Amino acid sequence: MVNLNRNPMFSGLMRGLSPRFYAGSVPKVFCTTMQMNRREFLLSVGAFGLAGSKVFAEAVELGYPAYWAAQVARAADSVKANAAECPFGFWFVTDPHMPSNAHHSGEILAALGRATSLKTVLCGGDIPEAFGSRFPTDKDCVDNSIALYREKIVSPIETAGLDFLPAKGNHDFTVKHDPKTNSGFTYSEKDARDVLMKIMSAAKFVTNAADPTACYYYVDDERARFRVIVADTTDRNSKTRTFWAVESGVGDVQLKWLAENAISTIPDRWNAVVMNHIPIAQVVGGAAEAKLFSSFRGLLEAYNHRGRWSGAGTSLDFSKAAGRIVMNLTGHEHAERMTYFNGLLHLTEPCDAAYGDYIVGSVPWCENLPRKKSGSPFEHTFDAFQFDFKRNVIRVTRVGGGADRVIHLEPIVMKKGEGRQIVPQFVKGADFFGAYDGERCGFRVNPKNKYTYFTEYFNEHLKTGAKGALLALSPGEGIALARNAGGEKELWPVKIV
């Protein structure tokens, strides 16, 4: 096992439980980005020009803290610069875990939506926090989280005229009383659907009307020729417990509907993103998740490969399909990770909650991440995704701790034994290069905390040499990475034949 050739690639990752429980185990990381107070920003607002002034005025008007104005202005400028080449894009925020959250992301997204052409917000799930002991009842905890979610995130976004598309997470809508007590509260599948689908504000969406518990659907943008498909990776409840009773899986009813109604009907020459909460490939999730969701993942892969797929009582031939699934976009892991496996990109994104686990979990994708300190512009984390199909890349703008990145959609194809130089096209001054296998990683238990584990990456298929030399070792797939001192990244899927 080799580790991106320069720095350790061990990351303690959350497994769907509240990181406040183990915040002390996260190593201290120093922030290298300047944090401004209100006075400092007022003195320097001229540096951001007209756009910055407008966004600052909006900060004052809307009531979100002035210390966010510089980040909002920068993100708005980045999105505007990309817009000419990107016919479609959206904001993606995930794992808010209310109330373990600074509660400003809704206003920030509303301001960014008003200031840019991105009028859609996707949310990757996990509304409540994990434990409910500080409330009179466990149900009160869940209801409080839902109310805060509506007030602090959904309402500002909807008021700004943006579409809000949520996915259901493994904490939606369930809580455990405390870490030691095996009791809690879980809403029924029908009640969860009623909450989630009423939160959704898309003008037009398609779902399974025959399923009263359906938290899955798709939304089309005909002008951009783009479909967003939202799947539910926790579509059933346990029959044997009351706490954390939402179980992982994609049942046959949902899988059949997705296959026949959402995937197979992607119009010709359209692009699609599939969003769900739990990652479905090993490197971005885990071995158990990769096995559990193999049929669902196989459906997406079969479509892109123009192959056949059978499951959930149906069989489909995609040989005449003419669309493309660009990526599978998820939350759950609370960190930034990515892989390329069986011809499909998988991305999982950092949590919006004020948790510290995104720091170690995001190595090596993000280095020197700041702590999510309340009162700083790093208390939230989310991204803008914009799709540049002329250059076949995804342009990602970070809001909060981290940096922007560009992800290539077409893989670099190499033969075993071949060498090639990585030449960044979008990231200037790249001084770190790495590569890792996309199909598997290793896991080991953290002896100090049962809610975290360490991940080990491999270099059996490809690795990098000096100054970005990419070396193909054996047939397989993976990711190549270039990063500069500011943390900006350019990433390429790689296929070795």
Protein backbone atom coordinates (compact mmCIF):
# COMPACT_ATOMS: atom_id res chain seq x y z
CA MET A 1 0.00 0.00 0.00
CA VAL A 2 1.32 3.40 -0.99
CA ASN A 3 -0.01 6.78 0.00
CA LEU A 4 -0.15 9.44 -2.70
CA ASN A 5 3.62 9.43 -2.59
CA ARG A 6 4.10 12.38 -0.23
CA ASN A 7 1.76 12.46 2.71
CA PRO A 8 -0.08 9.96 4.92
CA MET A 9 -3.51 8.98 3.67
CA PHE A 10 -5.12 7.79 6.86
CA SER A 11 -8.43 9.43 7.59
CA GLY A 12 -10.69 8.91 10.57
CA LEU A 13 -14.17 9.09 9.13
CA MET A 14 -17.61 9.38 10.60
CA ARG A 15 -19.90 6.41 10.16
CA GLY A 16 -23.18 8.28 10.32
CA LEU A 17 -23.03 9.28 14.02
CA SER A 18 -22.54 12.59 15.75
CA PRO A 19 -18.90 13.75 15.71
CA ARG A 20 -19.39 15.95 18.77
CA PHE A 21 -18.92 12.61 20.49
CA TYR A 22 -15.31 12.33 19.39
CA ALA A 23 -14.20 15.86 18.55
CA GLY A 24 -11.25 15.48 20.89
CA SER A 25 -9.74 12.80 18.69
CA VAL A 26 -9.35 15.13 15.71
CA PRO A 27 -5.81 16.51 15.41
CA LYS A 28 -5.36 20.25 15.66
CA VAL A 29 -5.04 21.91 12.26
CA PHE A 30 -4.09 25.56 11.90
CA CYS A 31 -6.04 27.75 9.52
CA THR A 32 -3.92 29.58 6.97
CA THR A 33 -6.82 31.62 5.58
CA MET A 34 -7.36 35.13 6.92
CA GLN A 35 -10.46 35.55 9.06
CA MET A 36 -12.01 39.05 9.07
CA ASN A 37 -14.11 40.66 11.72
CA ARG A 38 -16.75 43.24 10.77
CA ARG A 39 -14.43 46.24 11.13
CA GLU A 40 -11.65 44.63 9.08
CA PHE A 41 -14.07 43.78 6.32
CA LEU A 42 -15.56 47.29 6.25
CA LEU A 43 -12.05 48.69 5.84
CA SER A 44 -11.27 46.35 2.95
CA VAL A 45 -14.62 46.01 1.21
CA GLY A 46 -13.37 48.07 -1.73
CA ALA A 47 -11.07 45.20 -2.67
CA PHE A 48 -14.09 43.17 -3.67
CA GLY A 49 -15.45 45.77 -6.08
CA LEU A 50 -19.10 46.23 -6.91
CA ALA A 51 -20.03 42.56 -6.48
CA GLY A 52 -18.50 42.48 -3.03
CA SER A 53 -20.25 45.70 -2.02
CA LYS A 54 -23.61 44.34 -3.17
CA VAL A 55 -23.11 41.09 -1.34
CA PHE A 56 -22.01 42.91 1.79
CA ALA A 57 -25.13 45.11 1.60
CA GLU A 58 -27.20 41.95 1.26
CA ALA A 59 -25.46 40.49 4.32
CA VAL A 60 -26.55 43.49 6.32
CA GLU A 61 -30.08 43.35 4.89
CA LEU A 62 -30.57 39.62 5.43
CA GLY A 63 -28.90 39.53 8.79
CA TYR A 64 -26.21 36.92 8.17
CA PRO A 65 -22.85 37.84 9.72
CA ALA A 66 -20.60 40.34 7.99
CA TYR A 67 -17.64 37.99 8.33
CA TRP A 68 -19.23 35.85 5.59
CA ALA A 69 -19.44 38.66 3.06
CA ALA A 70 -15.93 38.24 1.66
CA GLN A 71 -16.43 34.51 1.08
CA VAL A 72 -19.84 35.08 -0.48
CA ALA A 73 -18.46 37.72 -2.83
CA ARG A 74 -15.57 35.48 -3.87
CA ALA A 75 -17.86 32.51 -4.49
CA ALA A 76 -20.31 34.65 -6.46
CA ASP A 77 -17.48 35.97 -8.64
CA SER A 78 -16.20 32.44 -9.27
CA VAL A 79 -19.63 31.13 -10.23
CA LYS A 80 -20.24 34.12 -12.52
CA ALA A 81 -16.89 33.61 -14.23
CA ASN A 82 -17.78 29.97 -14.93
CA ALA A 83 -21.35 30.63 -16.02
CA ALA A 84 -20.61 31.48 -19.66
CA GLU A 85 -19.21 27.99 -20.26
CA CYS A 86 -21.53 26.08 -17.92
CA PRO A 87 -25.17 25.67 -19.02
CA PHE A 88 -26.19 23.97 -15.78
CA GLY A 89 -25.17 24.00 -12.14
CA PHE A 90 -26.40 23.79 -8.58
CA TRP A 91 -25.40 24.30 -4.97
CA PHE A 92 -24.82 21.17 -2.90
CA VAL A 93 -25.06 21.15 0.90
CA THR A 94 -25.25 18.04 3.04
CA ASP A 95 -25.40 16.72 6.60
CA PRO A 96 -26.57 19.86 8.44
CA HIS A 97 -27.39 17.84 11.60
CA MET A 98 -29.54 20.53 13.18
CA PRO A 99 -28.95 22.09 15.66
CA SER A 100 -25.23 21.13 15.60
CA ASN A 101 -24.89 23.82 12.98
CA ALA A 102 -24.13 27.54 12.85
CA HIS A 103 -27.48 28.17 11.11
CA HIS A 104 -26.25 30.67 8.52
CA SER A 105 -25.98 28.48 5.41
CA GLY A 106 -29.59 29.11 4.35
CA GLU A 107 -29.09 32.89 4.21
CA ILE A 108 -25.72 32.46 2.55
CA LEU A 109 -27.15 30.18 -0.14
CA ALA A 110 -30.05 32.59 -0.63
CA ALA A 111 -27.62 35.47 -1.20
CA LEU A 112 -25.53 33.41 -3.61
CA GLY A 113 -28.64 32.32 -5.47
CA ARG A 114 -29.74 35.93 -5.90
CA ALA A 115 -26.27 36.99 -7.02
CA THR A 116 -25.66 34.20 -9.56
CA SER A 117 -27.40 32.08 -12.18
CA LEU A 118 -27.46 28.98 -9.94
CA LYS A 119 -31.07 28.69 -8.81
CA THR A 120 -31.13 25.12 -7.47
CA VAL A 121 -29.94 23.78 -4.09
CA LEU A 122 -29.45 20.05 -3.56
CA CYS A 123 -29.29 18.76 0.01
CA GLY A 124 -27.68 15.38 0.66
CA GLY A 125 -29.63 14.51 3.82
CA ASP A 126 -29.20 14.01 7.58
CA ILE A 127 -31.35 16.72 9.15
CA PRO A 128 -31.34 15.86 12.89
CA GLU A 129 -28.51 15.37 15.31
CA ALA A 130 -27.78 11.89 16.64
CA PHE A 131 -28.80 12.06 20.31
CA GLY A 132 -31.94 13.47 21.92
CA SER A 133 -31.30 13.37 25.67
CA ARG A 134 -31.37 17.15 26.16
CA PHE A 135 -35.01 17.32 25.06
CA PRO A 136 -38.11 16.34 27.10
CA THR A 137 -38.76 13.49 24.65
CA ASP A 138 -36.79 12.00 21.78
CA LYS A 139 -39.58 12.97 19.39
CA ASP A 140 -39.13 16.58 20.54
CA CYS A 141 -35.50 16.35 19.41
CA VAL A 142 -36.47 15.23 15.90
CA ASP A 143 -39.26 17.80 15.64
CA ASN A 144 -36.91 20.56 16.83
CA SER A 145 -34.38 19.61 14.14
CA ILE A 146 -37.06 19.63 11.44
CA ALA A 147 -38.33 23.04 12.58
CA LEU A 148 -34.81 24.51 12.59
CA TYR A 149 -34.10 22.99 9.17
CA ARG A 150 -37.22 24.60 7.73
CA GLU A 151 -36.56 27.95 9.38
CA LYS A 152 -32.80 28.29 8.96
CA ILE A 153 -32.11 26.48 5.69
CA VAL A 154 -35.22 25.82 3.60
CA SER A 155 -37.15 29.06 4.20
CA PRO A 156 -34.37 31.52 3.18
CA ILE A 157 -33.62 29.44 0.09
CA GLU A 158 -37.25 29.26 -0.98
CA THR A 159 -37.81 32.95 -0.21
CA ALA A 160 -34.94 33.75 -2.59
CA GLY A 161 -36.84 31.89 -5.33
CA LEU A 162 -34.52 28.87 -5.51
CA ASP A 163 -35.55 25.25 -5.97
CA PHE A 164 -34.67 23.02 -3.02
CA LEU A 165 -34.15 19.29 -3.70
CA PRO A 166 -33.48 17.12 -0.61
CA ALA A 167 -32.37 13.50 -0.27
CA LYS A 168 -33.21 11.31 2.72
CA GLY A 169 -30.37 10.38 5.07
CA ASN A 170 -29.77 7.66 7.64
CA HIS A 171 -30.59 10.15 10.43
CA ASP A 172 -33.86 11.24 8.75
CA PHE A 173 -35.97 11.13 10.89
CA THR A 174 -34.61 9.18 13.82
CA VAL A 175 -32.68 9.77 17.03
CA LYS A 176 -31.09 7.76 19.84
CA HIS A 177 -31.69 8.97 23.38
CA ASP A 178 -28.01 8.85 24.37
CA PRO A 179 -24.89 6.84 23.52
CA LYS A 180 -25.54 4.15 26.12
CA THR A 181 -29.33 3.76 26.14
CA ASN A 182 -30.94 1.58 23.51
CA SER A 183 -34.02 3.72 23.11
CA GLY A 184 -35.10 6.61 20.93
CA PHE A 185 -37.65 7.70 18.36
CA THR A 186 -38.12 7.10 14.63
CA TYR A 187 -40.81 8.48 12.35
CA SER A 188 -42.56 5.96 10.10
CA GLU A 189 -41.57 5.71 6.45
CA LYS A 190 -44.84 7.44 5.49
CA ASP A 191 -44.33 10.28 7.99
CA ALA A 192 -40.73 10.74 6.82
CA ARG A 193 -41.91 11.01 3.22
CA ASP A 194 -44.54 13.58 4.17
CA VAL A 195 -41.92 15.74 5.89
CA LEU A 196 -39.27 15.44 3.18
CA MET A 197 -41.45 15.85 0.11
CA LYS A 198 -43.25 18.85 1.60
CA ILE A 199 -39.86 20.46 2.17
CA MET A 200 -39.02 20.05 -1.53
CA SER A 201 -39.83 23.18 -3.52
CA ALA A 202 -39.17 22.15 -7.13
CA ALA A 203 -41.93 23.38 -9.39
CA LYS A 204 -42.04 20.11 -11.31
CA PHE A 205 -40.80 16.73 -10.13
CA VAL A 206 -41.60 13.12 -10.96
CA THR A 207 -41.92 10.50 -8.25
CA ASN A 208 -43.55 7.10 -7.73
CA ALA A 209 -47.17 7.97 -7.02
CA ALA A 210 -47.90 4.30 -6.27
CA ASP A 211 -45.47 4.26 -3.32
CA PRO A 212 -46.80 6.18 -0.28
CA THR A 213 -43.32 6.11 1.29
CA ALA A 214 -41.37 7.26 -1.78
CA CYS A 215 -38.54 9.70 -0.97
CA TYR A 216 -37.09 9.35 -4.47
CA TYR A 217 -37.79 11.39 -7.59
CA TYR A 218 -36.26 13.24 -10.52
CA VAL A 219 -36.33 16.82 -11.79
CA ASP A 220 -35.57 17.92 -15.37
CA ASP A 221 -34.04 21.14 -16.66
CA GLU A 222 -35.09 21.06 -20.31
CA ARG A 223 -33.19 24.19 -21.25
CA ALA A 224 -29.90 22.78 -19.95
CA ARG A 225 -30.82 19.21 -21.00
CA PHE A 226 -30.01 17.97 -17.52
CA ARG A 227 -31.74 15.58 -15.11
CA VAL A 228 -31.21 15.40 -11.35
CA ILE A 229 -32.17 11.98 -9.98
CA VAL A 230 -32.59 11.71 -6.22
CA ALA A 231 -32.45 8.20 -4.72
CA ASP A 232 -33.19 7.08 -1.17
CA THR A 233 -30.44 4.88 0.29
CA THR A 234 -32.39 4.40 3.55
CA ASP A 235 -35.85 3.44 2.32
CA ARG A 236 -36.96 1.15 5.13
CA ASN A 237 -37.22 1.16 8.91
CA SER A 238 -36.15 -1.54 11.35
CA LYS A 239 -39.01 -3.55 12.84
CA THR A 240 -37.04 -4.39 15.99
CA ARG A 241 -35.84 -1.07 17.45
CA THR A 242 -36.99 2.51 18.06
CA PHE A 243 -33.62 4.31 17.85
CA TRP A 244 -31.59 4.92 14.69
CA ALA A 245 -34.13 2.63 13.08
CA VAL A 246 -33.70 3.89 9.52
CA GLU A 247 -31.89 1.08 7.70
CA SER A 248 -29.55 1.35 4.74
CA GLY A 249 -30.65 -0.09 1.43
CA VAL A 250 -32.48 0.50 -1.84
CA GLY A 251 -35.52 -1.78 -1.91
CA ASP A 252 -36.96 -3.46 -4.98
CA VAL A 253 -39.92 -1.08 -5.30
CA GLN A 254 -37.63 1.93 -5.48
CA LEU A 255 -34.98 0.19 -7.57
CA LYS A 256 -37.50 -0.91 -10.20
CA TRP A 257 -38.97 2.58 -10.42
CA LEU A 258 -35.54 4.20 -10.72
CA ALA A 259 -34.53 1.76 -13.45
CA GLU A 260 -37.70 2.00 -15.51
CA ASN A 261 -38.74 5.60 -14.89
CA ALA A 262 -35.69 7.68 -13.96
CA ILE A 263 -32.69 6.02 -15.63
CA SER A 264 -34.01 4.42 -18.81
CA THR A 265 -35.96 7.58 -19.73
CA ILE A 266 -32.97 9.96 -19.68
CA PRO A 267 -33.47 11.80 -23.00
CA ASP A 268 -30.91 11.51 -25.78
CA ARG A 269 -27.83 13.71 -25.37
CA TRP A 270 -28.88 14.71 -21.86
CA ASN A 271 -26.64 14.57 -18.80
CA ALA A 272 -27.73 13.39 -15.36
CA VAL A 273 -26.51 13.47 -11.78
CA VAL A 274 -27.68 10.84 -9.29
CA MET A 275 -27.77 12.17 -5.72
CA ASN A 276 -28.28 10.05 -2.61
CA HIS A 277 -27.08 10.18 0.97
CA ILE A 278 -24.90 7.09 1.50
CA PRO A 279 -21.97 6.49 -0.91
CA ILE A 280 -22.30 3.32 -2.98
CA ALA A 281 -18.64 2.67 -3.93
CA GLN A 282 -15.95 1.42 -1.56
CA VAL A 283 -13.35 4.19 -1.76
CA VAL A 284 -15.87 6.95 -0.98
CA GLY A 285 -17.92 4.85 1.46
CA GLY A 286 -16.87 1.43 2.60
CA ALA A 287 -16.76 -2.25 1.65
CA ALA A 288 -20.10 -2.98 3.33
CA GLU A 289 -21.80 -0.13 1.47
CA ALA A 290 -20.27 -1.21 -1.84
CA LYS A 291 -21.73 -4.68 -1.36
CA LEU A 292 -25.11 -3.49 -0.08
CA PHE A 293 -25.65 -1.11 -2.99
CA SER A 294 -24.05 -3.24 -5.72
CA SER A 295 -27.30 -3.67 -7.66
CA PHE A 296 -28.10 0.04 -7.54
CA ARG A 297 -24.55 0.94 -8.54
CA GLY A 298 -24.66 -1.71 -11.29
CA LEU A 299 -27.75 -0.02 -12.72
CA LEU A 300 -25.89 3.27 -13.11
CA GLU A 301 -22.84 1.55 -14.55
CA ALA A 302 -24.91 -0.50 -17.02
CA TYR A 303 -26.54 2.66 -18.32
CA ASN A 304 -23.21 4.40 -18.94
CA HIS A 305 -21.70 1.25 -20.48
CA ARG A 306 -24.76 0.71 -22.73
CA GLY A 307 -25.15 -2.74 -21.26
CA ARG A 308 -27.93 -4.85 -19.79
CA TRP A 309 -29.15 -4.74 -16.22
CA SER A 310 -31.43 -7.11 -14.34
CA GLY A 311 -32.83 -6.69 -10.86
CA ALA A 312 -35.92 -5.94 -8.80
CA GLY A 313 -38.02 -8.07 -11.12
CA THR A 314 -37.10 -6.23 -14.30
CA SER A 315 -34.51 -6.42 -17.07
CA LEU A 316 -33.37 -3.51 -19.21
CA ASP A 317 -31.20 -3.15 -22.30
CA PHE A 318 -29.39 0.19 -22.49
CA SER A 319 -27.64 -0.47 -25.81
CA LYS A 320 -29.59 2.33 -27.49
CA ALA A 321 -29.31 4.84 -24.63
CA ALA A 322 -27.81 8.16 -25.62
CA GLY A 323 -27.60 10.06 -22.33
CA ARG A 324 -24.89 10.11 -19.68
CA ILE A 325 -24.79 9.81 -15.90
CA VAL A 326 -22.09 12.30 -14.99
CA MET A 327 -21.58 11.28 -11.37
CA ASN A 328 -23.04 9.89 -8.16
CA LEU A 329 -23.07 12.67 -5.54
CA THR A 330 -23.40 11.86 -1.83
CA GLY A 331 -22.92 12.97 1.77
CA HIS A 332 -22.82 10.78 4.91
CA GLU A 333 -19.03 10.56 5.30
CA HIS A 334 -18.76 14.27 6.28
CA ALA A 335 -15.62 14.68 4.18
CA GLU A 336 -14.44 15.35 0.63
CA ARG A 337 -13.58 12.13 -1.19
CA MET A 338 -13.75 10.94 -4.77
CA THR A 339 -13.23 7.83 -6.86
CA TYR A 340 -13.64 6.50 -10.38
CA PHE A 341 -14.91 2.94 -10.52
CA ASN A 342 -16.40 0.92 -13.40
CA GLY A 343 -16.63 4.03 -15.53
CA LEU A 344 -18.53 6.15 -13.01
CA LEU A 345 -17.40 9.10 -10.89
CA HIS A 346 -18.37 9.01 -7.22
CA LEU A 347 -18.09 12.11 -5.02
CA THR A 348 -18.90 12.53 -1.35
CA GLU A 349 -18.87 16.01 0.16
CA PRO A 350 -18.08 17.62 3.57
CA CYS A 351 -20.81 18.15 6.15
CA ASP A 352 -22.43 21.53 6.73
CA ALA A 353 -22.68 20.77 10.44
CA ALA A 354 -20.15 22.39 12.77
CA TYR A 355 -18.17 19.17 13.18
CA GLY A 356 -14.43 18.60 13.10
CA ASP A 357 -14.29 15.22 11.39
CA TYR A 358 -14.12 16.76 7.92
CA ILE A 359 -10.49 17.71 8.60
CA VAL A 360 -8.87 14.26 8.74
CA GLY A 361 -11.57 12.72 6.57
CA SER A 362 -10.75 15.02 3.64
CA VAL A 363 -7.02 14.25 3.40
CA PRO A 364 -5.53 14.40 0.76
CA TRP A 365 -8.34 16.16 -1.10
CA CYS A 366 -8.09 19.18 1.18
CA GLU A 367 -4.99 20.02 3.19
CA ASN A 368 -4.79 22.30 6.26
CA LEU A 369 -8.52 22.66 6.63
CA PRO A 370 -9.67 25.13 9.30
CA ARG A 371 -11.75 24.04 12.22
CA LYS A 372 -15.43 24.88 11.96
CA LYS A 373 -15.23 27.62 14.51
CA SER A 374 -18.45 29.52 15.16
CA GLY A 375 -18.01 33.17 14.29
CA SER A 376 -15.73 32.52 11.32
CA PRO A 377 -16.44 32.05 7.59
CA PHE A 378 -15.49 28.39 8.04
CA GLU A 379 -18.41 27.39 10.25
CA HIS A 380 -20.22 26.01 7.16
CA THR A 381 -19.07 23.99 4.17
CA PHE A 382 -20.82 23.56 0.82
CA ASP A 383 -20.08 23.78 -2.92
CA ALA A 384 -21.28 25.08 -6.25
CA PHE A 385 -21.16 22.47 -9.04
CA GLN A 386 -21.08 23.80 -12.61
CA PHE A 387 -20.89 21.60 -15.69
CA ASP A 388 -18.67 22.71 -18.57
CA PHE A 389 -19.45 20.24 -21.33
CA LYS A 390 -17.37 22.05 -23.96
CA ARG A 391 -14.26 21.16 -21.97
CA ASN A 392 -15.90 18.12 -20.34
CA VAL A 393 -15.17 19.17 -16.79
CA ILE A 394 -17.01 19.95 -13.57
CA ARG A 395 -16.03 23.27 -12.00
CA VAL A 396 -16.49 23.19 -8.22
CA THR A 397 -16.45 26.35 -6.08
CA ARG A 398 -16.00 25.86 -2.34
CA VAL A 399 -17.77 28.01 0.25
CA GLY A 400 -16.19 27.57 3.69
CA GLY A 401 -13.03 25.64 4.52
CA GLY A 402 -11.25 24.15 1.54
CA ALA A 403 -10.59 25.25 -2.04
CA ASP A 404 -11.98 25.13 -5.56
CA ARG A 405 -11.40 22.20 -7.88
CA VAL A 406 -11.87 21.07 -11.47
CA ILE A 407 -12.84 17.48 -12.21
CA HIS A 408 -12.32 16.01 -15.68
CA LEU A 409 -15.13 13.79 -16.95
CA GLU A 410 -13.25 11.86 -19.63
CA PRO A 411 -10.69 9.39 -18.25
CA ILE A 412 -7.04 9.34 -19.14
CA VAL A 413 -6.64 5.96 -20.88
CA MET A 414 -3.26 4.27 -20.53
CA LYS A 415 -1.73 0.89 -21.24
CA LYS A 416 -0.01 -1.19 -18.61
CA GLY A 417 3.60 -0.03 -18.28
CA GLU A 418 2.94 3.32 -19.94
CA GLY A 419 4.10 6.60 -18.46
CA ARG A 420 2.49 10.00 -18.97
CA GLN A 421 2.94 13.49 -17.61
CA ILE A 422 0.04 15.13 -15.76
CA VAL A 423 -0.37 18.62 -17.22
CA PRO A 424 -2.87 20.78 -15.31
CA GLN A 425 -5.04 22.93 -17.56
CA PHE A 426 -6.93 24.87 -14.90
CA VAL A 427 -4.85 24.86 -11.70
CA LYS A 428 -1.84 27.15 -11.75
CA GLY A 429 1.35 26.46 -9.82
CA ALA A 430 0.59 22.84 -8.93
CA ASP A 431 3.39 21.48 -6.75
CA PHE A 432 1.80 18.27 -5.44
CA PHE A 433 0.84 15.30 -7.60
CA GLY A 434 -0.65 12.01 -6.58
CA ALA A 435 -2.62 9.00 -7.75
CA TYR A 436 -4.52 6.17 -6.10
CA ASP A 437 -6.56 3.13 -7.06
CA GLY A 438 -10.27 3.70 -7.47
CA GLU A 439 -11.75 0.30 -6.74
CA ARG A 440 -10.78 -0.49 -3.16
CA CYS A 441 -9.25 0.74 0.05
CA GLY A 442 -8.44 -0.79 3.42
CA PHE A 443 -9.97 -0.14 6.83
CA ARG A 444 -8.80 -0.52 10.38
CA VAL A 445 -10.52 0.25 13.65
CA ASN A 446 -9.59 3.31 15.67
CA PRO A 447 -8.92 1.85 19.15
CA LYS A 448 -9.68 5.19 20.82
CA ASN A 449 -13.09 5.73 19.28
CA LYS A 450 -15.58 3.17 18.03
CA TYR A 451 -17.31 5.70 15.79
CA THR A 452 -14.29 6.30 13.56
CA TYR A 453 -12.05 4.17 11.40
CA PHE A 454 -8.87 4.69 9.42
CA THR A 455 -8.74 4.33 5.66
CA GLU A 456 -5.72 3.14 3.70
CA TYR A 457 -5.44 3.78 -0.03
CA PHE A 458 -3.61 1.67 -2.62
CA ASN A 459 -1.27 2.20 -5.56
CA GLU A 460 -1.45 -1.16 -7.29
CA HIS A 461 -2.85 0.16 -10.58
CA LEU A 462 -1.25 3.58 -10.85
CA LYS A 463 1.03 5.99 -9.04
CA THR A 464 2.88 9.24 -9.67
CA GLY A 465 6.56 9.91 -9.98
CA ALA A 466 8.56 13.14 -10.00
CA LYS A 467 6.81 16.35 -11.12
CA GLY A 468 3.53 14.68 -12.02
CA ALA A 469 4.73 11.66 -13.98
CA LEU A 470 1.81 9.20 -14.05
CA LEU A 471 2.78 5.52 -14.13
CA ALA A 472 0.38 2.74 -15.21
CA LEU A 473 1.19 -0.40 -13.22
CA SER A 474 -1.65 -2.82 -13.98
CA PRO A 475 -5.14 -2.85 -15.55
CA GLY A 476 -7.68 -1.02 -13.43
CA GLU A 477 -9.01 2.42 -12.61
CA GLY A 478 -8.14 5.30 -10.35
CA ILE A 479 -7.76 9.03 -9.83
CA ALA A 480 -4.85 11.37 -10.57
CA LEU A 481 -4.53 14.60 -8.60
CA ALA A 482 -2.68 17.91 -8.98
CA ARG A 483 -2.81 20.51 -6.20
CA ASN A 484 -1.20 23.91 -5.66
CA ALA A 485 -0.14 25.65 -2.47
CA GLY A 486 -3.53 27.34 -2.15
CA GLY A 487 -5.29 23.97 -2.13
CA GLU A 488 -6.86 24.30 -5.59
CA LYS A 489 -7.08 20.91 -7.28
CA GLU A 490 -7.43 19.36 -10.70
CA LEU A 491 -8.49 15.71 -10.84
CA TRP A 492 -8.57 13.14 -13.64
CA PRO A 493 -10.18 9.71 -13.77
CA VAL A 494 -7.71 7.16 -15.10
CA LYS A 495 -8.35 3.86 -16.86
CA ILE A 496 -5.52 1.38 -17.44
CA VAL A 497 -6.08 -1.31 -20.08
